[in-house]
Amino acid sequence: MATFFFRAVATDGKLRTGSLTAESDRTVARELRKQGLTPVYVGIEQKKSFNLKLPAFARGHRRDVLFFTQELSTLLTAGIAVDRALSITGELTERSRFRSIVLDVLRVLKGGKSLADSLATHPEYFSDLYVNMVRAGEASGSLASVFERLAEFEKSRDELYNYIISSMIYPALLATVGLASILVLLTFVVPKFASVFEESHMKIPVPTLMMLQVSKVVTTYWWMAAIVLAVTAVSFGMYVRTTPGRLWWDTLRLKVPLLGIALRKAETARFARSMATLVANSVPLVQSIGIAGAILNNRKIAGALGEVAQGVKRGEGIATPVRKAAVFPPLAAHLLMVGEETGRLDQMFARMAEIYETDTRAAIKRFTAIFEPLVILVMGVMVGALILSMLLAITSINDVVV
């Protein structure tokens, strides 16, 4: 007898962790299934519990997981055995770090675990959604089609993510360059004019005087400002990592004009795409909601899905609880109502994902279309004010000379 640590997903979609004493890990897995839990990890070593952070592939390894999924889909569809497909995928993987992950998954698989349990040993790469999809595919004998759906899911999410990032690069770069230009003027150019006025003892125009005072503050107390900014940034980052801080920040972002609309539609698309993939592979609806909620970026919306899951358990369906939650656009509830009436909930989730992925691109485009000229206008006014102050100073000097 030995003590085995486990992680498992309950019917409400929440993660359960603990330990059981049994003869083998398979005995523990069977016991968990009897209790209505879906085992994600069972082993001698205690693994850290999942948290609400984004999985690693969403932060930098997205391409690796997408390549892995596409290759496995192709190989399994061709009729190649799972272990052989993993071995080939490992050989084709370019990143040495991810290659070691694939080979470790293969090692665990050959040790007697299922593919889903093998993937679950690396939660930083393979999310709950990914693992449960594979588990459903193994149970139904449709692993090849599951990986095909997962490949489509990862590709669509990757394209949406890249579109959002690429759309925000130019406005961010524009703001950075404009701010740097102003700092250069205040730090190096304006002090030259200050020395000229100090030597002439002439009356300084009010706009020029204000500019000189701002320049003096920047050049004298820049180190203090840098410390304050650094402390503020670190404190803000630490607060946002807490549960109340993250909830406050996510709620605030949803209230920002234009940006909040884009974020809400992006989360709706992510939720719908996840649900379409899970429901199509017969993952229980309540469990699907929990898994889909765990991969959302916005904690305000993810938290509201708990009430949606409770509504489903009470027999209200999913459209009514989604409408009551009021965290998704109104159209989402109407689409789900149609899906329930027609018995095509998986197809309606897929249609909803397509609609809101398109709407997200349009919302981001509208936001950048307004944000870019706004940044240019603000920076132009600030730089123009500095230049105008300098011209007034030059004109004043000429008047004194005359």
Protein backbone atom coordinates (compact mmCIF):
# COMPACT_ATOMS: atom_id res chain seq x y z
CA MET A 1 0.00 0.00 0.00
CA ALA A 2 1.19 3.50 -0.84
CA THR A 3 -0.09 7.04 -0.64
CA PHE A 4 -1.02 8.56 -3.99
CA PHE A 5 -1.66 12.23 -4.58
CA PHE A 6 -4.33 13.16 -7.08
CA ARG A 7 -5.93 16.05 -8.98
CA ALA A 8 -9.41 15.51 -10.36
CA VAL A 9 -12.23 17.53 -11.91
CA ALA A 10 -15.65 17.34 -10.20
CA THR A 11 -18.99 17.45 -11.99
CA ASP A 12 -19.24 21.18 -11.27
CA GLY A 13 -15.99 21.71 -13.19
CA LYS A 14 -13.95 22.59 -10.09
CA LEU A 15 -10.58 21.03 -9.33
CA ARG A 16 -10.25 18.64 -6.38
CA THR A 17 -6.90 17.67 -4.86
CA GLY A 18 -5.94 15.24 -2.12
CA SER A 19 -4.39 11.87 -1.38
CA LEU A 20 -5.57 8.27 -1.10
CA THR A 21 -3.88 5.11 0.15
CA ALA A 22 -4.16 2.25 -2.30
CA GLU A 23 -2.22 -0.55 -3.98
CA SER A 24 -1.76 1.26 -7.31
CA ASP A 25 -2.53 4.46 -9.12
CA ARG A 26 -5.16 2.66 -11.21
CA THR A 27 -7.02 1.71 -8.03
CA VAL A 28 -7.03 5.38 -7.02
CA ALA A 29 -8.29 6.39 -10.46
CA ARG A 30 -11.15 3.86 -10.25
CA GLU A 31 -12.09 5.09 -6.79
CA LEU A 32 -12.15 8.69 -8.00
CA ARG A 33 -14.42 7.77 -10.90
CA LYS A 34 -16.80 6.03 -8.47
CA GLN A 35 -16.98 9.31 -6.56
CA GLY A 36 -17.97 11.15 -9.75
CA LEU A 37 -14.54 12.74 -10.24
CA THR A 38 -12.50 12.78 -13.43
CA PRO A 39 -8.84 12.09 -12.52
CA VAL A 40 -6.33 14.44 -14.08
CA TYR A 41 -3.22 13.30 -12.22
CA VAL A 42 -2.50 10.37 -9.89
CA GLY A 43 1.04 9.77 -8.69
CA ILE A 44 3.46 9.34 -5.80
CA GLU A 45 4.80 12.90 -6.14
CA GLN A 46 2.54 15.73 -5.12
CA LYS A 47 1.99 18.17 -7.97
CA LYS A 48 1.10 21.80 -7.44
CA SER A 49 -2.56 22.55 -7.95
CA PHE A 50 -3.78 24.30 -11.02
CA ASN A 51 -4.30 28.02 -10.69
CA LEU A 52 -6.17 30.55 -12.74
CA LYS A 53 -3.13 31.76 -14.63
CA LEU A 54 -2.92 31.24 -18.33
CA PRO A 55 -1.18 28.02 -19.40
CA ALA A 56 2.37 28.40 -20.58
CA PHE A 57 1.54 27.98 -24.27
CA ALA A 58 -0.66 31.06 -24.04
CA ARG A 59 2.34 33.02 -22.82
CA GLY A 60 4.99 31.83 -25.26
CA HIS A 61 4.64 28.17 -26.23
CA ARG A 62 1.41 28.46 -28.17
CA ARG A 63 3.14 27.57 -31.42
CA ASP A 64 4.65 24.42 -29.93
CA VAL A 65 1.31 23.08 -28.77
CA LEU A 66 -0.34 24.01 -32.07
CA PHE A 67 2.38 22.17 -34.05
CA PHE A 68 2.13 19.18 -31.70
CA THR A 69 -1.65 19.00 -32.10
CA GLN A 70 -1.57 19.35 -35.88
CA GLU A 71 1.10 16.68 -36.27
CA LEU A 72 -0.69 14.22 -34.00
CA SER A 73 -3.95 14.86 -35.84
CA THR A 74 -2.30 14.08 -39.19
CA LEU A 75 -0.51 10.97 -37.94
CA LEU A 76 -3.47 9.51 -36.06
CA THR A 77 -5.77 10.12 -39.03
CA ALA A 78 -3.27 8.15 -41.13
CA GLY A 79 -3.75 5.20 -38.78
CA ILE A 80 -0.42 5.39 -36.94
CA ALA A 81 -0.41 4.13 -33.35
CA VAL A 82 -0.37 6.74 -30.58
CA ASP A 83 3.08 5.85 -29.22
CA ARG A 84 4.61 5.86 -32.69
CA ALA A 85 2.87 9.18 -33.50
CA LEU A 86 4.30 10.73 -30.33
CA SER A 87 7.77 9.46 -31.20
CA ILE A 88 7.59 10.95 -34.70
CA THR A 89 6.23 14.25 -33.35
CA GLY A 90 9.10 14.40 -30.87
CA GLU A 91 11.61 13.96 -33.69
CA LEU A 92 9.96 16.71 -35.75
CA THR A 93 9.80 19.20 -32.88
CA GLU A 94 12.46 21.91 -33.27
CA ARG A 95 12.50 23.30 -29.72
CA SER A 96 14.63 21.09 -27.50
CA ARG A 97 12.62 21.97 -24.38
CA PHE A 98 9.30 21.01 -25.92
CA ARG A 99 10.87 17.90 -27.46
CA SER A 100 11.75 16.75 -23.95
CA ILE A 101 8.11 17.36 -22.94
CA VAL A 102 6.83 15.20 -25.81
CA LEU A 103 9.31 12.43 -25.00
CA ASP A 104 8.31 12.55 -21.34
CA VAL A 105 4.65 12.21 -22.34
CA LEU A 106 5.67 9.18 -24.43
CA ARG A 107 7.56 7.71 -21.46
CA VAL A 108 4.54 8.06 -19.16
CA LEU A 109 2.28 6.59 -21.85
CA LYS A 110 4.52 3.54 -22.22
CA GLY A 111 4.47 3.22 -18.42
CA GLY A 112 0.81 2.24 -18.64
CA LYS A 113 -1.09 5.51 -18.33
CA SER A 114 -3.60 6.82 -20.84
CA LEU A 115 -2.64 9.59 -23.26
CA ALA A 116 -4.84 12.05 -21.35
CA ASP A 117 -3.16 11.23 -18.04
CA SER A 118 0.25 11.46 -19.72
CA LEU A 119 -0.53 14.93 -21.07
CA ALA A 120 -1.90 15.99 -17.66
CA THR A 121 1.57 15.58 -16.15
CA HIS A 122 2.50 18.81 -17.94
CA PRO A 123 -0.36 21.23 -17.09
CA GLU A 124 1.83 24.20 -17.94
CA TYR A 125 1.53 23.16 -21.61
CA PHE A 126 -1.73 21.21 -21.81
CA SER A 127 -4.79 22.84 -20.27
CA ASP A 128 -7.75 21.13 -18.59
CA LEU A 129 -9.71 21.56 -21.81
CA TYR A 130 -6.99 19.84 -23.82
CA VAL A 131 -6.66 16.91 -21.40
CA ASN A 132 -10.41 16.36 -21.05
CA MET A 133 -10.88 16.47 -24.80
CA VAL A 134 -8.25 13.75 -25.22
CA ARG A 135 -9.84 11.76 -22.40
CA ALA A 136 -13.22 11.93 -24.15
CA GLY A 137 -11.60 10.88 -27.42
CA GLU A 138 -9.98 7.86 -25.79
CA ALA A 139 -13.26 6.83 -24.19
CA SER A 140 -15.20 7.09 -27.45
CA GLY A 141 -12.47 5.67 -29.69
CA SER A 142 -12.33 8.83 -31.80
CA LEU A 143 -8.92 10.15 -30.83
CA ALA A 144 -8.00 11.17 -34.39
CA SER A 145 -11.11 13.34 -34.81
CA VAL A 146 -10.58 14.85 -31.35
CA PHE A 147 -7.06 15.97 -32.26
CA GLU A 148 -8.41 17.36 -35.52
CA ARG A 149 -10.91 19.47 -33.55
CA LEU A 150 -8.21 20.46 -31.08
CA ALA A 151 -5.99 21.56 -33.97
CA GLU A 152 -8.79 23.73 -35.34
CA PHE A 153 -9.42 25.13 -31.85
CA GLU A 154 -5.74 25.98 -31.24
CA LYS A 155 -5.36 27.49 -34.71
CA SER A 156 -8.42 29.75 -34.41
CA ARG A 157 -7.37 30.90 -30.94
CA ASP A 158 -3.81 31.51 -32.10
CA GLU A 159 -5.02 33.60 -35.04
CA LEU A 160 -7.27 35.72 -32.81
CA TYR A 161 -4.48 36.19 -30.25
CA ASN A 162 -1.98 37.23 -32.93
CA TYR A 163 -4.48 39.66 -34.47
CA ILE A 164 -5.06 41.39 -31.12
CA ILE A 165 -1.33 41.64 -30.38
CA SER A 166 -0.40 42.90 -33.86
CA SER A 167 -3.21 45.47 -33.74
CA MET A 168 -1.92 46.93 -30.48
CA ILE A 169 1.77 47.06 -31.42
CA TYR A 170 1.58 50.24 -33.53
CA PRO A 171 -0.42 52.34 -31.01
CA ALA A 172 1.91 51.22 -28.20
CA LEU A 173 4.99 52.02 -30.29
CA LEU A 174 3.53 55.39 -31.25
CA ALA A 175 2.86 56.33 -27.62
CA THR A 176 6.34 55.18 -26.57
CA VAL A 177 8.12 57.20 -29.26
CA GLY A 178 6.02 60.30 -28.51
CA LEU A 179 6.71 60.10 -24.78
CA ALA A 180 10.43 59.55 -25.40
CA SER A 181 10.53 62.62 -27.69
CA ILE A 182 8.95 64.79 -25.00
CA LEU A 183 11.40 63.55 -22.36
CA VAL A 184 14.35 64.27 -24.67
CA LEU A 185 13.11 67.82 -25.27
CA LEU A 186 12.56 68.46 -21.55
CA THR A 187 15.87 66.89 -20.50
CA PHE A 188 18.35 68.11 -23.13
CA VAL A 189 16.87 70.89 -25.29
CA VAL A 190 14.90 73.05 -22.84
CA PRO A 191 17.76 73.37 -20.27
CA LYS A 192 19.84 75.09 -22.99
CA PHE A 193 17.19 77.81 -23.24
CA ALA A 194 17.09 78.08 -19.43
CA SER A 195 20.78 79.00 -19.30
CA VAL A 196 20.27 81.72 -21.93
CA PHE A 197 17.46 83.35 -19.95
CA GLU A 198 19.38 83.18 -16.69
CA GLU A 199 22.29 85.10 -18.27
CA SER A 200 20.08 87.76 -19.91
CA HIS A 201 17.91 88.42 -16.81
CA MET A 202 15.03 89.27 -19.11
CA LYS A 203 11.32 88.79 -18.41
CA ILE A 204 10.29 85.28 -19.41
CA PRO A 205 6.92 84.66 -21.14
CA VAL A 206 4.48 82.67 -19.01
CA PRO A 207 4.31 79.61 -21.34
CA THR A 208 8.10 79.51 -21.50
CA LEU A 209 8.34 79.86 -17.72
CA MET A 210 5.98 76.91 -17.26
CA MET A 211 8.02 74.85 -19.69
CA LEU A 212 11.26 75.70 -17.85
CA GLN A 213 9.74 74.74 -14.50
CA VAL A 214 8.55 71.40 -15.86
CA SER A 215 11.98 70.78 -17.37
CA LYS A 216 13.65 71.63 -14.07
CA VAL A 217 11.44 69.19 -12.17
CA VAL A 218 12.12 66.44 -14.72
CA THR A 219 15.92 66.91 -14.75
CA THR A 220 16.17 67.32 -10.96
CA TYR A 221 13.75 64.71 -9.66
CA TRP A 222 13.78 62.11 -12.45
CA TRP A 223 15.30 59.53 -10.11
CA MET A 224 12.50 60.06 -7.60
CA ALA A 225 9.90 59.71 -10.35
CA ALA A 226 11.59 56.53 -11.55
CA ILE A 227 11.50 55.07 -8.03
CA VAL A 228 7.85 56.02 -7.57
CA LEU A 229 6.94 54.49 -10.94
CA ALA A 230 8.88 51.31 -10.17
CA VAL A 231 7.31 50.92 -6.71
CA THR A 232 3.86 51.66 -8.13
CA ALA A 233 4.32 49.13 -10.93
CA VAL A 234 5.58 46.41 -8.57
CA SER A 235 2.82 47.10 -6.02
CA PHE A 236 0.17 47.10 -8.74
CA GLY A 237 1.53 43.85 -10.15
CA MET A 238 1.48 42.19 -6.72
CA TYR A 239 -2.05 43.41 -6.05
CA VAL A 240 -3.34 42.23 -9.42
CA ARG A 241 -1.94 38.76 -8.67
CA THR A 242 -4.24 38.48 -5.67
CA THR A 243 -7.79 37.24 -6.16
CA PRO A 244 -9.53 40.53 -5.15
CA GLY A 245 -6.99 42.57 -7.15
CA ARG A 246 -7.39 40.49 -10.28
CA LEU A 247 -11.18 40.69 -10.00
CA TRP A 248 -11.04 44.48 -9.56
CA TRP A 249 -8.68 44.92 -12.51
CA ASP A 250 -10.70 42.68 -14.83
CA THR A 251 -13.92 44.43 -13.85
CA LEU A 252 -12.34 47.85 -14.49
CA ARG A 253 -11.08 46.83 -17.93
CA LEU A 254 -14.56 45.77 -18.98
CA LYS A 255 -15.81 49.30 -18.21
CA VAL A 256 -13.28 51.08 -20.45
CA PRO A 257 -15.07 52.50 -23.52
CA LEU A 258 -14.41 50.54 -26.73
CA LEU A 259 -11.67 48.44 -25.12
CA GLY A 260 -14.14 46.86 -22.69
CA ILE A 261 -16.43 45.91 -25.55
CA ALA A 262 -13.54 44.31 -27.44
CA LEU A 263 -12.40 42.37 -24.36
CA ARG A 264 -15.92 41.11 -23.63
CA LYS A 265 -16.35 39.89 -27.20
CA ALA A 266 -12.91 38.23 -27.15
CA GLU A 267 -13.81 36.35 -23.95
CA THR A 268 -17.18 35.37 -25.42
CA ALA A 269 -15.45 33.97 -28.49
CA ARG A 270 -12.92 32.08 -26.33
CA PHE A 271 -15.69 30.62 -24.16
CA ALA A 272 -17.84 29.64 -27.13
CA ARG A 273 -14.94 28.02 -28.99
CA SER A 274 -13.99 26.00 -25.91
CA MET A 275 -17.59 24.90 -25.29
CA ALA A 276 -18.09 23.94 -28.93
CA THR A 277 -15.03 21.71 -28.78
CA LEU A 278 -15.98 20.10 -25.46
CA VAL A 279 -19.71 19.62 -26.07
CA ALA A 280 -19.06 18.14 -29.53
CA ASN A 281 -17.00 15.43 -27.83
CA SER A 282 -19.67 14.57 -25.25
CA VAL A 283 -17.98 16.15 -22.24
CA PRO A 284 -20.74 16.79 -19.63
CA LEU A 285 -22.13 20.31 -19.88
CA VAL A 286 -21.46 21.33 -16.27
CA GLN A 287 -17.92 20.04 -16.46
CA SER A 288 -17.45 21.79 -19.82
CA ILE A 289 -18.49 25.12 -18.30
CA GLY A 290 -15.96 24.70 -15.50
CA ILE A 291 -13.15 23.82 -17.90
CA ALA A 292 -14.01 26.63 -20.33
CA GLY A 293 -14.20 29.13 -17.48
CA ALA A 294 -10.76 28.13 -16.20
CA ILE A 295 -9.06 29.15 -19.46
CA LEU A 296 -10.70 32.59 -19.67
CA ASN A 297 -8.49 35.59 -19.06
CA ASN A 298 -11.11 37.73 -17.33
CA ARG A 299 -11.89 36.63 -13.75
CA LYS A 300 -15.10 38.70 -13.64
CA ILE A 301 -16.58 36.68 -16.50
CA ALA A 302 -15.07 33.39 -15.33
CA GLY A 303 -16.53 33.89 -11.84
CA ALA A 304 -20.02 34.43 -13.26
CA LEU A 305 -19.82 31.03 -14.97
CA GLY A 306 -20.12 29.40 -11.55
CA GLU A 307 -23.72 30.61 -11.38
CA VAL A 308 -24.27 29.43 -14.94
CA ALA A 309 -23.10 25.93 -13.95
CA GLN A 310 -25.42 25.96 -10.92
CA GLY A 311 -28.31 26.95 -13.17
CA VAL A 312 -27.55 24.04 -15.50
CA LYS A 313 -27.50 21.66 -12.51
CA ARG A 314 -30.91 22.99 -11.44
CA GLY A 315 -32.28 22.04 -14.85
CA GLU A 316 -32.63 25.55 -16.27
CA GLY A 317 -30.63 24.74 -19.40
CA ILE A 318 -27.73 27.00 -20.32
CA ALA A 319 -29.38 29.90 -22.20
CA THR A 320 -31.34 31.19 -19.19
CA PRO A 321 -28.39 31.15 -16.73
CA VAL A 322 -26.17 32.84 -19.34
CA ARG A 323 -28.75 35.60 -19.77
CA LYS A 324 -29.03 36.03 -15.99
CA ALA A 325 -25.24 36.21 -15.59
CA ALA A 326 -25.21 39.27 -17.92
CA VAL A 327 -21.49 38.94 -18.63
CA PHE A 328 -21.82 37.98 -22.30
CA PRO A 329 -23.44 40.06 -25.07
CA PRO A 330 -27.25 39.57 -25.28
CA LEU A 331 -27.00 37.76 -28.61
CA ALA A 332 -25.13 34.89 -26.94
CA ALA A 333 -28.13 33.86 -24.83
CA HIS A 334 -30.45 33.98 -27.86
CA LEU A 335 -28.11 31.78 -29.90
CA LEU A 336 -27.88 29.25 -27.08
CA MET A 337 -31.66 29.23 -26.71
CA VAL A 338 -31.96 28.33 -30.39
CA GLY A 339 -29.32 25.64 -29.90
CA GLU A 340 -31.29 24.10 -27.03
CA GLU A 341 -34.55 24.18 -29.00
CA THR A 342 -33.01 22.54 -32.08
CA GLY A 343 -30.78 20.08 -30.22
CA ARG A 344 -27.67 21.52 -31.94
CA LEU A 345 -25.96 23.14 -28.97
CA ASP A 346 -22.45 22.21 -30.15
CA GLN A 347 -23.08 23.73 -33.59
CA MET A 348 -24.57 26.86 -32.03
CA PHE A 349 -21.52 27.27 -29.79
CA ALA A 350 -19.33 26.98 -32.90
CA ARG A 351 -21.46 29.55 -34.72
CA MET A 352 -21.30 31.84 -31.68
CA ALA A 353 -17.51 31.54 -31.66
CA GLU A 354 -17.31 32.51 -35.34
CA ILE A 355 -19.60 35.51 -34.80
CA TYR A 356 -17.69 36.90 -31.85
CA GLU A 357 -14.25 36.20 -33.28
CA THR A 358 -15.29 38.36 -36.24
CA ASP A 359 -16.82 40.95 -33.90
CA THR A 360 -13.64 40.97 -31.79
CA ARG A 361 -11.53 41.82 -34.84
CA ALA A 362 -13.97 44.59 -35.76
CA ALA A 363 -14.01 45.94 -32.19
CA ILE A 364 -10.20 45.93 -31.98
CA LYS A 365 -10.05 47.68 -35.34
CA ARG A 366 -12.47 50.37 -34.12
CA PHE A 367 -10.48 50.81 -30.93
CA THR A 368 -7.17 51.23 -32.74
CA ALA A 369 -8.81 53.51 -35.32
CA ILE A 370 -9.71 55.90 -32.50
CA PHE A 371 -6.71 55.27 -30.24
CA GLU A 372 -4.05 55.93 -32.89
CA PRO A 373 -5.20 59.46 -33.89
CA LEU A 374 -5.88 60.20 -30.21
CA VAL A 375 -2.28 59.35 -29.32
CA ILE A 376 -1.03 61.42 -32.26
CA LEU A 377 -3.25 64.34 -31.20
CA VAL A 378 -2.12 64.27 -27.55
CA MET A 379 1.54 63.93 -28.43
CA GLY A 380 1.23 66.59 -31.10
CA VAL A 381 -0.33 69.04 -28.67
CA MET A 382 2.37 68.40 -26.07
CA VAL A 383 5.26 68.67 -28.53
CA GLY A 384 3.61 71.68 -30.18
CA ALA A 385 3.27 73.40 -26.79
CA LEU A 386 6.98 72.88 -26.14
CA ILE A 387 7.95 74.22 -29.57
CA LEU A 388 5.59 77.20 -29.19
CA SER A 389 7.13 78.02 -25.81
CA MET A 390 10.59 77.94 -27.40
CA LEU A 391 9.46 80.21 -30.24
CA LEU A 392 8.01 82.69 -27.75
CA ALA A 393 11.32 82.67 -25.93
CA ILE A 394 13.28 83.29 -29.14
CA THR A 395 10.89 86.11 -30.09
CA SER A 396 11.35 87.69 -26.65
CA ILE A 397 15.12 87.62 -27.04
CA ASN A 398 14.87 89.34 -30.43
CA ASP A 399 12.62 92.02 -28.94
CA VAL A 400 15.20 92.72 -26.23
CA VAL A 401 17.99 92.95 -28.77
CA VAL A 402 16.00 95.43 -30.89
